[in-house]
Amino acid sequence: MKGVAEELDIHPFMLSRWRKEFREGIFTMRRVKKASSKAKQKILEQERLNA
C-alpha cells in the first residue's frame, strides 16, 4: 500500500480510505477531480481495468 501511495504521490491513509469507500460503493469521481494529475491518471486507469 505504501509503495502504491508513493507512486500516486498521495498519503497512504488516503489510498486506504479510497479503497474502503470504493468497496462500500461510496467512492465518487468527485474525489478523483481533487487528486493530482498523476494520481488521476492512475485511478482512472485502474477503474478502466476493473470494469
PDB file of N, CA and C in Angstrom:
ATOM      1  N   MET A   1       0.823  -1.187   0.000  1.00  0.00           N
ATOM      2  CA  MET A   1       0.000   0.000   0.000  1.00  0.00           C
ATOM      3  C   MET A   1       0.874   1.261   0.000  1.00  0.00           C
ATOM      4  N   LYS A   2       1.930   1.222   0.800  1.00  0.00           N
ATOM      5  CA  LYS A   2       2.805   2.397   0.891  1.00  0.00           C
ATOM      6  C   LYS A   2       3.457   2.712  -0.460  1.00  0.00           C
ATOM      7  N   GLY A   3       3.917   1.677  -1.155  1.00  0.00           N
ATOM      8  CA  GLY A   3       4.547   1.883  -2.450  1.00  0.00           C
ATOM      9  C   GLY A   3       3.588   2.448  -3.490  1.00  0.00           C
ATOM     10  N   VAL A   4       2.367   1.971  -3.480  1.00  0.00           N
ATOM     11  CA  VAL A   4       1.350   2.474  -4.418  1.00  0.00           C
ATOM     12  C   VAL A   4       1.047   3.934  -4.109  1.00  0.00           C
ATOM     13  N   ALA A   5       0.892   4.246  -2.828  1.00  0.00           N
ATOM     14  CA  ALA A   5       0.615   5.629  -2.431  1.00  0.00           C
ATOM     15  C   ALA A   5       1.753   6.553  -2.848  1.00  0.00           C
ATOM     16  N   GLU A   6       2.983   6.107  -2.680  1.00  0.00           N
ATOM     17  CA  GLU A   6       4.129   6.907  -3.101  1.00  0.00           C
ATOM     18  C   GLU A   6       4.113   7.122  -4.609  1.00  0.00           C
ATOM     19  N   GLU A   7       3.772   6.067  -5.349  1.00  0.00           N
ATOM     20  CA  GLU A   7       3.701   6.167  -6.812  1.00  0.00           C
ATOM     21  C   GLU A   7       2.639   7.184  -7.239  1.00  0.00           C
ATOM     22  N   LEU A   8       1.549   7.235  -6.494  1.00  0.00           N
ATOM     23  CA  LEU A   8       0.460   8.167  -6.805  1.00  0.00           C
ATOM     24  C   LEU A   8       0.683   9.549  -6.203  1.00  0.00           C
ATOM     25  N   ASP A   9       1.737   9.674  -5.396  1.00  0.00           N
ATOM     26  CA  ASP A   9       2.052  10.933  -4.732  1.00  0.00           C
ATOM     27  C   ASP A   9       0.919  11.365  -3.798  1.00  0.00           C
ATOM     28  N   ILE A  10       0.400  10.392  -3.029  1.00  0.00           N
ATOM     29  CA  ILE A  10      -0.630  10.669  -2.031  1.00  0.00           C
ATOM     30  C   ILE A  10      -0.247   9.978  -0.728  1.00  0.00           C
ATOM     31  N   HIS A  11      -0.872  10.392   0.356  1.00  0.00           N
ATOM     32  CA  HIS A  11      -0.619   9.771   1.660  1.00  0.00           C
ATOM     33  C   HIS A  11      -1.254   8.386   1.679  1.00  0.00           C
ATOM     34  N   PRO A  12      -0.597   7.382   2.261  1.00  0.00           N
ATOM     35  CA  PRO A  12      -1.154   6.026   2.306  1.00  0.00           C
ATOM     36  C   PRO A  12      -2.550   5.967   2.926  1.00  0.00           C
ATOM     37  N   PHE A  13      -2.825   6.830   3.900  1.00  0.00           N
ATOM     38  CA  PHE A  13      -4.153   6.853   4.506  1.00  0.00           C
ATOM     39  C   PHE A  13      -5.219   7.176   3.466  1.00  0.00           C
ATOM     40  N   MET A  14      -4.920   8.110   2.559  1.00  0.00           N
ATOM     41  CA  MET A  14      -5.905   8.500   1.543  1.00  0.00           C
ATOM     42  C   MET A  14      -6.209   7.319   0.624  1.00  0.00           C
ATOM     43  N   LEU A  15      -5.196   6.593   0.222  1.00  0.00           N
ATOM     44  CA  LEU A  15      -5.400   5.430  -0.634  1.00  0.00           C
ATOM     45  C   LEU A  15      -6.234   4.383   0.099  1.00  0.00           C
ATOM     46  N   SER A  16      -5.935   4.167   1.361  1.00  0.00           N
ATOM     47  CA  SER A  16      -6.697   3.219   2.165  1.00  0.00           C
ATOM     48  C   SER A  16      -8.153   3.652   2.275  1.00  0.00           C
ATOM     49  N   ARG A  17      -8.363   4.929   2.483  1.00  0.00           N
ATOM     50  CA  ARG A  17      -9.730   5.458   2.587  1.00  0.00           C
ATOM     51  C   ARG A  17     -10.478   5.298   1.270  1.00  0.00           C
ATOM     52  N   TRP A  18      -9.834   5.611   0.154  1.00  0.00           N
ATOM     53  CA  TRP A  18     -10.480   5.458  -1.151  1.00  0.00           C
ATOM     54  C   TRP A  18     -10.852   4.002  -1.402  1.00  0.00           C
ATOM     55  N   ARG A  19      -9.950   3.112  -1.056  1.00  0.00           N
ATOM     56  CA  ARG A  19     -10.212   1.682  -1.252  1.00  0.00           C
ATOM     57  C   ARG A  19     -11.425   1.245  -0.443  1.00  0.00           C
ATOM     58  N   LYS A  20     -11.496   1.681   0.802  1.00  0.00           N
ATOM     59  CA  LYS A  20     -12.627   1.352   1.669  1.00  0.00           C
ATOM     60  C   LYS A  20     -13.930   1.926   1.095  1.00  0.00           C
ATOM     61  N   GLU A  21     -13.900   3.187   0.678  1.00  0.00           N
ATOM     62  CA  GLU A  21     -15.091   3.814   0.112  1.00  0.00           C
ATOM     63  C   GLU A  21     -15.521   3.122  -1.183  1.00  0.00           C
ATOM     64  N   PHE A  22     -14.556   2.722  -1.989  1.00  0.00           N
ATOM     65  CA  PHE A  22     -14.881   2.024  -3.236  1.00  0.00           C
ATOM     66  C   PHE A  22     -15.590   0.705  -2.929  1.00  0.00           C
ATOM     67  N   ARG A  23     -15.054  -0.044  -1.965  1.00  0.00           N
ATOM     68  CA  ARG A  23     -15.670  -1.313  -1.586  1.00  0.00           C
ATOM     69  C   ARG A  23     -17.081  -1.118  -1.044  1.00  0.00           C
ATOM     70  N   GLU A  24     -17.302  -0.011  -0.360  1.00  0.00           N
ATOM     71  CA  GLU A  24     -18.618   0.276   0.212  1.00  0.00           C
ATOM     72  C   GLU A  24     -19.549   0.932  -0.800  1.00  0.00           C
ATOM     73  N   GLY A  25     -19.043   1.220  -1.991  1.00  0.00           N
ATOM     74  CA  GLY A  25     -19.866   1.808  -3.045  1.00  0.00           C
ATOM     75  C   GLY A  25     -20.085   3.298  -2.893  1.00  0.00           C
ATOM     76  N   ILE A  26     -19.254   3.963  -2.112  1.00  0.00           N
ATOM     77  CA  ILE A  26     -19.436   5.402  -1.937  1.00  0.00           C
ATOM     78  C   ILE A  26     -18.313   6.224  -2.565  1.00  0.00           C
ATOM     79  N   PHE A  27     -17.423   5.560  -3.285  1.00  0.00           N
ATOM     80  CA  PHE A  27     -16.352   6.268  -3.991  1.00  0.00           C
ATOM     81  C   PHE A  27     -16.967   7.058  -5.133  1.00  0.00           C
ATOM     82  N   THR A  28     -16.627   8.312  -5.253  1.00  0.00           N
ATOM     83  CA  THR A  28     -17.177   9.141  -6.320  1.00  0.00           C
ATOM     84  C   THR A  28     -16.070   9.769  -7.143  1.00  0.00           C
ATOM     85  N   MET A  29     -16.382  10.096  -8.363  1.00  0.00           N
ATOM     86  CA  MET A  29     -15.410  10.736  -9.240  1.00  0.00           C
ATOM     87  C   MET A  29     -15.031  12.119  -8.716  1.00  0.00           C
ATOM     88  N   ARG A  30     -15.829  12.661  -7.832  1.00  0.00           N
ATOM     89  CA  ARG A  30     -15.521  13.957  -7.242  1.00  0.00           C
ATOM     90  C   ARG A  30     -14.145  13.916  -6.577  1.00  0.00           C
ATOM     91  N   ARG A  31     -13.814  12.810  -5.951  1.00  0.00           N
ATOM     92  CA  ARG A  31     -12.516  12.673  -5.294  1.00  0.00           C
ATOM     93  C   ARG A  31     -11.389  12.623  -6.322  1.00  0.00           C
ATOM     94  N   VAL A  32     -11.648  12.010  -7.456  1.00  0.00           N
ATOM     95  CA  VAL A  32     -10.626  11.934  -8.499  1.00  0.00           C
ATOM     96  C   VAL A  32     -10.304  13.334  -8.997  1.00  0.00           C
ATOM     97  N   LYS A  33     -11.304  14.180  -9.117  1.00  0.00           N
ATOM     98  CA  LYS A  33     -11.083  15.543  -9.593  1.00  0.00           C
ATOM     99  C   LYS A  33     -10.158  16.316  -8.671  1.00  0.00           C
ATOM    100  N   LYS A  34     -10.145  15.980  -7.378  1.00  0.00           N
ATOM    101  CA  LYS A  34      -9.304  16.681  -6.411  1.00  0.00           C
ATOM    102  C   LYS A  34      -7.878  16.127  -6.369  1.00  0.00           C
ATOM    103  N   ALA A  35      -7.654  14.981  -6.946  1.00  0.00           N
ATOM    104  CA  ALA A  35      -6.345  14.331  -6.898  1.00  0.00           C
ATOM    105  C   ALA A  35      -5.353  15.022  -7.837  1.00  0.00           C
ATOM    106  N   SER A  36      -4.072  14.762  -7.608  1.00  0.00           N
ATOM    107  CA  SER A  36      -3.050  15.307  -8.503  1.00  0.00           C
ATOM    108  C   SER A  36      -3.216  14.678  -9.886  1.00  0.00           C
ATOM    109  N   SER A  37      -2.666  15.286 -10.904  1.00  0.00           N
ATOM    110  CA  SER A  37      -2.853  14.775 -12.268  1.00  0.00           C
ATOM    111  C   SER A  37      -2.288  13.363 -12.418  1.00  0.00           C
ATOM    112  N   LYS A  38      -1.165  13.082 -11.771  1.00  0.00           N
ATOM    113  CA  LYS A  38      -0.579  11.743 -11.840  1.00  0.00           C
ATOM    114  C   LYS A  38      -1.496  10.731 -11.152  1.00  0.00           C
ATOM    115  N   ALA A  39      -2.039  11.108 -10.009  1.00  0.00           N
ATOM    116  CA  ALA A  39      -2.948  10.227  -9.278  1.00  0.00           C
ATOM    117  C   ALA A  39      -4.232  10.001 -10.076  1.00  0.00           C
ATOM    118  N   LYS A  40      -4.756  11.070 -10.699  1.00  0.00           N
ATOM    119  CA  LYS A  40      -5.971  10.939 -11.511  1.00  0.00           C
ATOM    120  C   LYS A  40      -5.774   9.901 -12.610  1.00  0.00           C
ATOM    121  N   GLN A  41      -4.653   9.999 -13.299  1.00  0.00           N
ATOM    122  CA  GLN A  41      -4.368   9.090 -14.394  1.00  0.00           C
ATOM    123  C   GLN A  41      -4.336   7.640 -13.908  1.00  0.00           C
ATOM    124  N   LYS A  42      -3.658   7.393 -12.796  1.00  0.00           N
ATOM    125  CA  LYS A  42      -3.560   6.039 -12.253  1.00  0.00           C
ATOM    126  C   LYS A  42      -4.918   5.522 -11.788  1.00  0.00           C
ATOM    127  N   ILE A  43      -5.699   6.372 -11.132  1.00  0.00           N
ATOM    128  CA  ILE A  43      -7.014   5.970 -10.633  1.00  0.00           C
ATOM    129  C   ILE A  43      -7.940   5.629 -11.787  1.00  0.00           C
ATOM    130  N   LEU A  44      -7.980   6.470 -12.793  1.00  0.00           N
ATOM    131  CA  LEU A  44      -8.853   6.236 -13.943  1.00  0.00           C
ATOM    132  C   LEU A  44      -8.414   4.975 -14.700  1.00  0.00           C
ATOM    133  N   GLU A  45      -7.106   4.772 -14.804  1.00  0.00           N
ATOM    134  CA  GLU A  45      -6.583   3.577 -15.469  1.00  0.00           C
ATOM    135  C   GLU A  45      -7.005   2.312 -14.711  1.00  0.00           C
ATOM    136  N   GLN A  46      -6.911   2.362 -13.387  1.00  0.00           N
ATOM    137  CA  GLN A  46      -7.292   1.220 -12.569  1.00  0.00           C
ATOM    138  C   GLN A  46      -8.793   0.938 -12.679  1.00  0.00           C
ATOM    139  N   GLU A  47      -9.607   1.987 -12.667  1.00  0.00           N
ATOM    140  CA  GLU A  47     -11.057   1.793 -12.800  1.00  0.00           C
ATOM    141  C   GLU A  47     -11.390   1.178 -14.150  1.00  0.00           C
ATOM    142  N   ARG A  48     -10.687   1.596 -15.200  1.00  0.00           N
ATOM    143  CA  ARG A  48     -10.922   1.064 -16.535  1.00  0.00           C
ATOM    144  C   ARG A  48     -10.581  -0.430 -16.557  1.00  0.00           C
ATOM    145  N   LEU A  49      -9.509  -0.806 -15.890  1.00  0.00           N
ATOM    146  CA  LEU A  49      -9.113  -2.206 -15.837  1.00  0.00           C
ATOM    147  C   LEU A  49     -10.079  -3.042 -15.013  1.00  0.00           C
ATOM    148  N   ASN A  50     -10.667  -2.456 -13.992  1.00  0.00           N
ATOM    149  CA  ASN A  50     -11.605  -3.161 -13.134  1.00  0.00           C
ATOM    150  C   ASN A  50     -12.992  -3.315 -13.761  1.00  0.00           C
ATOM    151  N   ALA A  51     -13.289  -2.510 -14.767  1.00  0.00           N
ATOM    152  CA  ALA A  51     -14.636  -2.541 -15.377  1.00  0.00           C
ATOM    153  C   ALA A  51     -14.878  -3.777 -16.195  1.00  0.00           C
TER     154      ALA A  51
END
